[in-house]
Amino acid sequence: MIDEILSDADERMDKSVKALVGQFAAIRSGRAHPSFLDPVELDYYGAQTPMKHVAAISVEGGRTFVIKPFDAGILKALEKAIYSADLGLTPNNNGEVIRLELPPLTEENRRDLIKQAHAVAETARVAVRNIRRDAIHDIRECVKEKLATQDEGHEGEDEAQVLTDRHVELVDKHLADKETDLMAF
């Protein structure tokens, strides 16, 4: 029973770390990355559709997105969706593709983005700790209901702490990588 609780906690902690990585991808760094455009959706035949489903997105020269729609008739809709996504970028439409140039980051922008990354990382740490709290509560319930011995309960709590420490360490590693990425350009 305790093994199941710990396995579930480990899976949930992994999901929290994966969510953190996804959120870090959305934080703009000095170089272009296609995941930066993930929030852009457009009205495509009456349904809100992510831009990556209707166009090929590539990066040119490290700071320029090149968006080539699969259907040339949606260039205007793509342009409008980019404006409405409020990314702070101005699309350049040449009739075949849309180019988006990322302006270079200033030192102040970098510091703000690092603060944002720290806030996201802290949210992930809190999520991991909340999962630990839930796991320990469930382990104590098992001991209370005589489904496990006291010793097994203590070992389970120790293992929950080890899982927590490992996942918080992963969060810190991803945060350090993001800070390095933000300060690189």
Protein backbone atom coordinates (compact mmCIF):
# COMPACT_ATOMS: atom_id res chain seq x y z
CA MET A 1 0.00 0.00 0.00
CA ILE A 2 2.77 2.42 0.94
CA ASP A 3 4.64 1.56 -2.25
CA GLU A 4 1.56 2.54 -4.26
CA ILE A 5 1.31 5.86 -2.42
CA LEU A 6 4.99 6.60 -3.06
CA SER A 7 4.74 5.56 -6.72
CA ASP A 8 1.75 7.86 -7.20
CA ALA A 9 3.59 10.71 -5.45
CA ASP A 10 6.64 10.16 -7.68
CA GLU A 11 4.48 10.30 -10.83
CA ARG A 12 2.73 13.46 -9.67
CA MET A 13 6.05 15.10 -8.80
CA ASP A 14 7.38 14.19 -12.25
CA LYS A 15 4.34 15.87 -13.81
CA SER A 16 5.02 19.01 -11.78
CA VAL A 17 8.60 19.13 -13.03
CA LYS A 18 7.43 18.57 -16.63
CA ALA A 19 4.91 21.39 -16.23
CA LEU A 20 7.74 23.61 -14.99
CA VAL A 21 9.80 22.81 -18.09
CA GLY A 22 6.81 23.75 -20.25
CA GLN A 23 6.37 27.02 -18.41
CA PHE A 24 10.08 27.80 -18.75
CA ALA A 25 9.81 27.22 -22.50
CA ALA A 26 7.16 29.93 -22.64
CA ILE A 27 9.46 32.43 -20.92
CA ARG A 28 11.24 34.22 -23.70
CA SER A 29 14.99 34.04 -23.84
CA GLY A 30 17.35 35.84 -26.18
CA ARG A 31 17.04 33.24 -28.89
CA ALA A 32 13.98 32.15 -30.79
CA HIS A 33 12.36 28.83 -29.93
CA PRO A 34 9.17 27.58 -31.61
CA SER A 35 7.51 26.88 -28.24
CA PHE A 36 7.45 30.65 -27.69
CA LEU A 37 4.61 30.76 -30.23
CA ASP A 38 2.56 27.99 -28.54
CA PRO A 39 0.01 30.43 -27.06
CA VAL A 40 -0.91 31.73 -30.54
CA GLU A 41 -4.27 30.37 -31.70
CA LEU A 42 -6.34 31.41 -34.68
CA ASP A 43 -9.89 30.89 -35.86
CA TYR A 44 -9.52 28.18 -38.50
CA TYR A 45 -12.78 27.02 -40.04
CA GLY A 46 -14.73 28.01 -36.94
CA ALA A 47 -12.44 26.38 -34.35
CA GLN A 48 -9.65 27.88 -32.27
CA THR A 49 -6.57 26.08 -33.58
CA PRO A 50 -2.96 26.35 -32.36
CA MET A 51 -0.73 28.00 -34.94
CA LYS A 52 1.64 25.02 -34.97
CA HIS A 53 -1.21 22.88 -36.39
CA VAL A 54 -1.74 25.09 -39.44
CA ALA A 55 1.80 26.28 -40.22
CA ALA A 56 5.41 25.17 -40.21
CA ILE A 57 7.41 27.21 -37.70
CA SER A 58 11.16 27.41 -38.09
CA VAL A 59 13.93 29.55 -36.66
CA GLU A 60 16.30 31.50 -38.87
CA GLY A 61 19.50 33.08 -37.59
CA GLY A 62 18.74 32.46 -33.93
CA ARG A 63 16.33 35.38 -33.48
CA THR A 64 13.85 35.22 -36.38
CA PHE A 65 10.79 32.99 -36.66
CA VAL A 66 9.69 31.97 -40.14
CA ILE A 67 6.06 30.86 -40.27
CA LYS A 68 4.93 29.15 -43.46
CA PRO A 69 1.22 28.25 -43.43
CA PHE A 70 0.12 24.99 -44.99
CA ASP A 71 -2.72 26.95 -46.63
CA ALA A 72 -1.63 30.33 -48.08
CA GLY A 73 -5.18 31.65 -47.63
CA ILE A 74 -4.75 31.97 -43.87
CA LEU A 75 -1.79 34.38 -43.86
CA LYS A 76 -4.00 37.31 -42.79
CA ALA A 77 -5.63 35.21 -40.05
CA LEU A 78 -2.19 34.17 -38.80
CA GLU A 79 -1.04 37.76 -38.75
CA LYS A 80 -4.14 38.80 -36.80
CA ALA A 81 -3.64 35.93 -34.31
CA ILE A 82 -0.04 36.99 -33.68
CA TYR A 83 -1.14 40.55 -32.96
CA SER A 84 -3.95 39.39 -30.66
CA ALA A 85 -1.63 37.01 -28.74
CA ASP A 86 0.15 40.15 -27.48
CA LEU A 87 3.67 38.75 -27.76
CA GLY A 88 5.18 42.14 -28.41
CA LEU A 89 6.27 41.10 -31.91
CA THR A 90 5.34 42.65 -35.25
CA PRO A 91 4.76 40.16 -38.06
CA ASN A 92 6.23 40.87 -41.50
CA ASN A 93 4.09 39.24 -44.20
CA ASN A 94 5.68 38.89 -47.65
CA GLY A 95 2.72 37.01 -49.19
CA GLU A 96 4.23 33.56 -48.68
CA VAL A 97 5.63 33.49 -45.15
CA ILE A 98 5.47 35.57 -41.98
CA ARG A 99 8.70 36.61 -40.30
CA LEU A 100 8.88 37.57 -36.63
CA GLU A 101 12.07 39.17 -35.35
CA LEU A 102 12.81 38.90 -31.63
CA PRO A 103 14.34 42.14 -30.40
CA PRO A 104 17.46 41.73 -28.27
CA LEU A 105 16.88 41.61 -24.52
CA THR A 106 18.05 44.49 -22.37
CA GLU A 107 19.68 43.89 -18.99
CA GLU A 108 16.49 45.05 -17.27
CA ASN A 109 14.38 42.64 -19.35
CA ARG A 110 16.71 39.81 -18.43
CA ARG A 111 16.37 40.56 -14.72
CA ASP A 112 12.58 40.66 -15.01
CA LEU A 113 12.53 37.35 -16.87
CA ILE A 114 14.79 35.78 -14.24
CA LYS A 115 12.39 36.98 -11.53
CA GLN A 116 9.55 35.43 -13.49
CA ALA A 117 11.50 32.16 -13.79
CA HIS A 118 12.15 32.17 -10.02
CA ALA A 119 8.42 32.63 -9.35
CA VAL A 120 7.54 29.73 -11.67
CA ALA A 121 10.19 27.54 -10.01
CA GLU A 122 8.89 28.38 -6.54
CA THR A 123 5.38 27.42 -7.63
CA ALA A 124 6.77 24.06 -8.81
CA ARG A 125 8.60 23.55 -5.50
CA VAL A 126 5.39 24.25 -3.58
CA ALA A 127 3.51 21.77 -5.78
CA VAL A 128 6.13 19.08 -5.08
CA ARG A 129 5.96 19.77 -1.34
CA ASN A 130 2.17 19.62 -1.39
CA ILE A 131 2.39 16.21 -3.05
CA ARG A 132 4.79 15.10 -0.29
CA ARG A 133 2.35 16.36 2.34
CA ASP A 134 -0.49 14.39 0.72
CA ALA A 135 1.66 11.24 0.52
CA ILE A 136 2.69 11.47 4.16
CA HIS A 137 -0.94 12.01 5.17
CA ASP A 138 -1.96 8.90 3.21
CA ILE A 139 0.88 6.88 4.75
CA ARG A 140 -0.19 7.93 8.25
CA GLU A 141 -3.75 6.93 7.42
CA CYS A 142 -2.50 3.48 6.38
CA VAL A 143 -0.66 3.10 9.68
CA LYS A 144 -3.69 4.36 11.62
CA GLU A 145 -5.97 1.84 9.86
CA LYS A 146 -3.41 -0.93 10.60
CA LEU A 147 -2.68 -1.52 6.89
CA ALA A 148 1.02 -0.95 7.62
CA THR A 149 3.27 -1.08 10.67
CA GLN A 150 4.76 1.96 12.41
CA ASP A 151 8.20 1.11 11.02
CA GLU A 152 6.85 0.83 7.48
CA GLY A 153 5.13 4.18 7.97
CA HIS A 154 8.36 5.86 9.08
CA GLU A 155 10.27 4.32 6.18
CA GLY A 156 7.55 5.50 3.79
CA GLU A 157 7.73 9.04 5.16
CA ASP A 158 11.52 9.02 4.78
CA GLU A 159 11.16 7.79 1.19
CA ALA A 160 8.60 10.55 0.49
CA GLN A 161 11.17 13.08 1.70
CA VAL A 162 13.85 11.54 -0.54
CA LEU A 163 11.48 11.82 -3.53
CA THR A 164 10.74 15.43 -2.62
CA ASP A 165 14.42 16.33 -2.31
CA ARG A 166 15.19 14.72 -5.69
CA HIS A 167 12.39 16.60 -7.46
CA VAL A 168 13.19 19.94 -5.81
CA GLU A 169 16.79 19.41 -6.96
CA LEU A 170 15.49 18.89 -10.51
CA VAL A 171 13.48 22.12 -10.26
CA ASP A 172 16.61 23.97 -9.12
CA LYS A 173 18.64 22.47 -11.98
CA HIS A 174 16.06 23.56 -14.56
CA LEU A 175 15.99 27.03 -12.98
CA ALA A 176 19.79 27.32 -13.19
CA ASP A 177 19.67 26.21 -16.84
CA LYS A 178 17.00 28.82 -17.61
CA GLU A 179 19.01 31.56 -15.87
CA THR A 180 22.07 30.59 -17.92
CA ASP A 181 19.96 30.66 -21.08
CA LEU A 182 18.56 34.10 -20.23
CA MET A 183 21.98 35.59 -19.54
CA ALA A 184 23.62 34.00 -22.62
CA PHE A 185 22.70 36.66 -25.19
